[in-house]
């Protein structure tokens, strides 16, 4: 079975929606997320542009940008959005998808015991499982 590029994009957009709980179609490009972002000056694609690129199916541009890694996940964008689109959650979803695609080493059960013994907060362990396990 051959999967078309359009089908692949559709799968990734569905993954973004499932992981982040956000619907990129809701954004109407007011730019308030970009205006509020404290690290937007360091980004090659601005936050509102990331959402627009996703709306247009321009996934390669988004996945190859440094923006998804620069996002500080401060959620300032979410607080300013009149449509309640949380761009920080979308960025997190993009990072998770990219890490899974790269096949970064998975978190093993024995690693979890080591993490707990070092005093890592439970939230960090849950986050690691979400990122590295499918």
C-alpha atoms as a PDB file:
ATOM      1  CA  UNK A   1       0.000   0.000   0.000  1.00  0.00           C
ATOM      2  CA  UNK A   2       1.396   3.359  -1.014  1.00  0.00           C
ATOM      3  CA  UNK A   3       0.760   6.361   1.244  1.00  0.00           C
ATOM      4  CA  UNK A   4       0.531   9.707  -0.512  1.00  0.00           C
ATOM      5  CA  UNK A   5       2.127  12.864   0.814  1.00  0.00           C
ATOM      6  CA  UNK A   6      -1.339  14.307   1.396  1.00  0.00           C
ATOM      7  CA  UNK A   7      -2.341  11.291   3.503  1.00  0.00           C
ATOM      8  CA  UNK A   8       0.872  11.585   5.513  1.00  0.00           C
ATOM      9  CA  UNK A   9       0.160  15.262   6.199  1.00  0.00           C
ATOM     10  CA  UNK A  10      -3.356  14.363   7.264  1.00  0.00           C
ATOM     11  CA  UNK A  11      -1.983  11.784   9.725  1.00  0.00           C
ATOM     12  CA  UNK A  12       0.454  14.287  11.206  1.00  0.00           C
ATOM     13  CA  UNK A  13      -2.255  16.935  11.608  1.00  0.00           C
ATOM     14  CA  UNK A  14      -4.404  14.347  13.373  1.00  0.00           C
ATOM     15  CA  UNK A  15      -1.436  13.452  15.607  1.00  0.00           C
ATOM     16  CA  UNK A  16      -0.994  17.128  16.463  1.00  0.00           C
ATOM     17  CA  UNK A  17      -4.664  17.367  17.407  1.00  0.00           C
ATOM     18  CA  UNK A  18      -4.522  14.189  19.520  1.00  0.00           C
ATOM     19  CA  UNK A  19      -1.278  15.060  21.335  1.00  0.00           C
ATOM     20  CA  UNK A  20      -1.948  18.766  21.879  1.00  0.00           C
ATOM     21  CA  UNK A  21      -5.722  18.821  22.088  1.00  0.00           C
ATOM     22  CA  UNK A  22      -5.631  21.823  19.757  1.00  0.00           C
ATOM     23  CA  UNK A  23      -7.251  22.369  16.373  1.00  0.00           C
ATOM     24  CA  UNK A  24      -5.019  24.497  14.130  1.00  0.00           C
ATOM     25  CA  UNK A  25      -8.002  25.388  11.952  1.00  0.00           C
ATOM     26  CA  UNK A  26      -9.427  27.494  14.802  1.00  0.00           C
ATOM     27  CA  UNK A  27      -6.678  30.120  14.419  1.00  0.00           C
ATOM     28  CA  UNK A  28      -7.602  33.150  12.322  1.00  0.00           C
ATOM     29  CA  UNK A  29      -4.124  34.688  12.291  1.00  0.00           C
ATOM     30  CA  UNK A  30      -4.559  37.747  14.506  1.00  0.00           C
ATOM     31  CA  UNK A  31      -0.877  37.550  15.488  1.00  0.00           C
ATOM     32  CA  UNK A  32      -1.404  38.105  19.223  1.00  0.00           C
ATOM     33  CA  UNK A  33       0.563  34.936  20.014  1.00  0.00           C
ATOM     34  CA  UNK A  34       3.587  36.298  18.172  1.00  0.00           C
ATOM     35  CA  UNK A  35       3.244  39.741  19.730  1.00  0.00           C
ATOM     36  CA  UNK A  36       3.168  38.196  23.220  1.00  0.00           C
ATOM     37  CA  UNK A  37       5.953  35.658  22.692  1.00  0.00           C
ATOM     38  CA  UNK A  38       9.086  36.572  24.678  1.00  0.00           C
ATOM     39  CA  UNK A  39      11.380  34.522  22.413  1.00  0.00           C
ATOM     40  CA  UNK A  40       9.883  35.314  18.993  1.00  0.00           C
ATOM     41  CA  UNK A  41      12.943  37.358  18.002  1.00  0.00           C
ATOM     42  CA  UNK A  42      15.046  34.193  18.042  1.00  0.00           C
ATOM     43  CA  UNK A  43      12.591  32.186  15.917  1.00  0.00           C
ATOM     44  CA  UNK A  44      12.943  31.673  12.187  1.00  0.00           C
ATOM     45  CA  UNK A  45       9.183  31.093  11.827  1.00  0.00           C
ATOM     46  CA  UNK A  46       6.949  33.126  14.124  1.00  0.00           C
ATOM     47  CA  UNK A  47       4.300  31.362  16.240  1.00  0.00           C
ATOM     48  CA  UNK A  48       1.332  32.517  14.171  1.00  0.00           C
ATOM     49  CA  UNK A  49       3.209  31.503  11.025  1.00  0.00           C
ATOM     50  CA  UNK A  50       3.758  27.994  12.413  1.00  0.00           C
ATOM     51  CA  UNK A  51       0.015  27.608  12.810  1.00  0.00           C
ATOM     52  CA  UNK A  52      -0.588  29.037   9.335  1.00  0.00           C
ATOM     53  CA  UNK A  53       1.974  26.705   7.780  1.00  0.00           C
ATOM     54  CA  UNK A  54       0.226  23.786   9.465  1.00  0.00           C
ATOM     55  CA  UNK A  55      -3.118  24.999   8.130  1.00  0.00           C
ATOM     56  CA  UNK A  56      -1.628  25.094   4.627  1.00  0.00           C
ATOM     57  CA  UNK A  57      -0.005  21.664   4.975  1.00  0.00           C
ATOM     58  CA  UNK A  58       3.548  23.050   4.884  1.00  0.00           C
ATOM     59  CA  UNK A  59       4.817  20.511   7.421  1.00  0.00           C
ATOM     60  CA  UNK A  60       8.355  20.226   6.113  1.00  0.00           C
ATOM     61  CA  UNK A  61       9.025  23.921   6.704  1.00  0.00           C
ATOM     62  CA  UNK A  62       7.721  23.703  10.262  1.00  0.00           C
ATOM     63  CA  UNK A  63       9.529  20.471  11.142  1.00  0.00           C
ATOM     64  CA  UNK A  64      12.849  21.772   9.788  1.00  0.00           C
ATOM     65  CA  UNK A  65      12.623  25.103  11.612  1.00  0.00           C
ATOM     66  CA  UNK A  66      14.321  25.923  14.893  1.00  0.00           C
ATOM     67  CA  UNK A  67      11.139  27.519  16.198  1.00  0.00           C
ATOM     68  CA  UNK A  68       9.668  24.351  17.695  1.00  0.00           C
ATOM     69  CA  UNK A  69      12.831  23.930  19.781  1.00  0.00           C
ATOM     70  CA  UNK A  70      13.095  27.590  20.803  1.00  0.00           C
ATOM     71  CA  UNK A  71       9.531  27.826  22.148  1.00  0.00           C
ATOM     72  CA  UNK A  72       9.819  28.285  25.914  1.00  0.00           C
ATOM     73  CA  UNK A  73       6.360  26.797  26.561  1.00  0.00           C
ATOM     74  CA  UNK A  74       5.569  29.774  28.773  1.00  0.00           C
ATOM     75  CA  UNK A  75       1.927  29.698  27.588  1.00  0.00           C
ATOM     76  CA  UNK A  76       1.810  33.474  27.128  1.00  0.00           C
ATOM     77  CA  UNK A  77       0.475  32.835  23.632  1.00  0.00           C
ATOM     78  CA  UNK A  78      -2.407  30.786  25.027  1.00  0.00           C
ATOM     79  CA  UNK A  79      -3.365  33.570  27.408  1.00  0.00           C
ATOM     80  CA  UNK A  80      -3.537  36.109  24.597  1.00  0.00           C
ATOM     81  CA  UNK A  81      -5.349  34.043  21.964  1.00  0.00           C
ATOM     82  CA  UNK A  82      -8.961  35.177  21.400  1.00  0.00           C
ATOM     83  CA  UNK A  83      -9.775  31.731  19.933  1.00  0.00           C
ATOM     84  CA  UNK A  84      -8.139  29.773  22.793  1.00  0.00           C
ATOM     85  CA  UNK A  85      -5.625  28.093  20.490  1.00  0.00           C
ATOM     86  CA  UNK A  86      -2.659  27.062  22.628  1.00  0.00           C
ATOM     87  CA  UNK A  87       0.354  27.424  20.345  1.00  0.00           C
ATOM     88  CA  UNK A  88       2.723  26.155  23.069  1.00  0.00           C
ATOM     89  CA  UNK A  89       0.836  22.841  23.136  1.00  0.00           C
ATOM     90  CA  UNK A  90       1.084  22.657  19.349  1.00  0.00           C
ATOM     91  CA  UNK A  91       4.854  23.253  19.551  1.00  0.00           C
ATOM     92  CA  UNK A  92       5.144  20.493  22.166  1.00  0.00           C
ATOM     93  CA  UNK A  93       3.178  18.137  19.920  1.00  0.00           C
ATOM     94  CA  UNK A  94       5.494  18.936  17.000  1.00  0.00           C
ATOM     95  CA  UNK A  95       8.544  18.187  19.153  1.00  0.00           C
ATOM     96  CA  UNK A  96       7.026  14.886  20.287  1.00  0.00           C
ATOM     97  CA  UNK A  97       6.187  13.864  16.703  1.00  0.00           C
ATOM     98  CA  UNK A  98       9.686  14.747  15.515  1.00  0.00           C
ATOM     99  CA  UNK A  99      11.362  12.856  18.375  1.00  0.00           C
ATOM    100  CA  UNK A 100       9.220   9.803  17.672  1.00  0.00           C
ATOM    101  CA  UNK A 101       9.998  10.019  13.966  1.00  0.00           C
ATOM    102  CA  UNK A 102      13.725  10.182  14.667  1.00  0.00           C
ATOM    103  CA  UNK A 103      13.429   7.088  16.818  1.00  0.00           C
ATOM    104  CA  UNK A 104      15.206   8.606  19.784  1.00  0.00           C
ATOM    105  CA  UNK A 105      15.967   5.984  22.402  1.00  0.00           C
ATOM    106  CA  UNK A 106      12.889   5.005  24.349  1.00  0.00           C
ATOM    107  CA  UNK A 107      12.516   5.291  28.093  1.00  0.00           C
ATOM    108  CA  UNK A 108      12.864   1.893  29.738  1.00  0.00           C
ATOM    109  CA  UNK A 109      11.300   0.700  32.984  1.00  0.00           C
ATOM    110  CA  UNK A 110      14.674   0.413  34.704  1.00  0.00           C
ATOM    111  CA  UNK A 111      15.385   4.052  33.769  1.00  0.00           C
ATOM    112  CA  UNK A 112      12.260   5.150  35.613  1.00  0.00           C
ATOM    113  CA  UNK A 113      13.494   3.658  38.902  1.00  0.00           C
ATOM    114  CA  UNK A 114      16.801   5.476  38.428  1.00  0.00           C
ATOM    115  CA  UNK A 115      15.011   8.760  37.758  1.00  0.00           C
ATOM    116  CA  UNK A 116      12.876   8.452  40.895  1.00  0.00           C
ATOM    117  CA  UNK A 117      15.934   7.696  43.001  1.00  0.00           C
ATOM    118  CA  UNK A 118      17.555  10.922  41.809  1.00  0.00           C
ATOM    119  CA  UNK A 119      14.589  12.970  42.997  1.00  0.00           C
ATOM    120  CA  UNK A 120      13.079  13.895  39.653  1.00  0.00           C
ATOM    121  CA  UNK A 121       9.536  15.278  39.997  1.00  0.00           C
ATOM    122  CA  UNK A 122       6.753  12.938  38.905  1.00  0.00           C
ATOM    123  CA  UNK A 123       5.639  15.421  36.272  1.00  0.00           C
ATOM    124  CA  UNK A 124       8.991  15.032  34.536  1.00  0.00           C
ATOM    125  CA  UNK A 125       8.629  11.257  34.439  1.00  0.00           C
ATOM    126  CA  UNK A 126       5.130  11.495  32.971  1.00  0.00           C
ATOM    127  CA  UNK A 127       6.380  14.009  30.405  1.00  0.00           C
ATOM    128  CA  UNK A 128       9.228  11.694  29.416  1.00  0.00           C
ATOM    129  CA  UNK A 129       6.834   8.788  28.936  1.00  0.00           C
ATOM    130  CA  UNK A 130       4.595  10.975  26.788  1.00  0.00           C
ATOM    131  CA  UNK A 131       7.516  12.048  24.631  1.00  0.00           C
ATOM    132  CA  UNK A 132       9.325   8.775  24.254  1.00  0.00           C
ATOM    133  CA  UNK A 133       6.616   6.135  24.391  1.00  0.00           C
ATOM    134  CA  UNK A 134       3.832   5.565  21.973  1.00  0.00           C
END
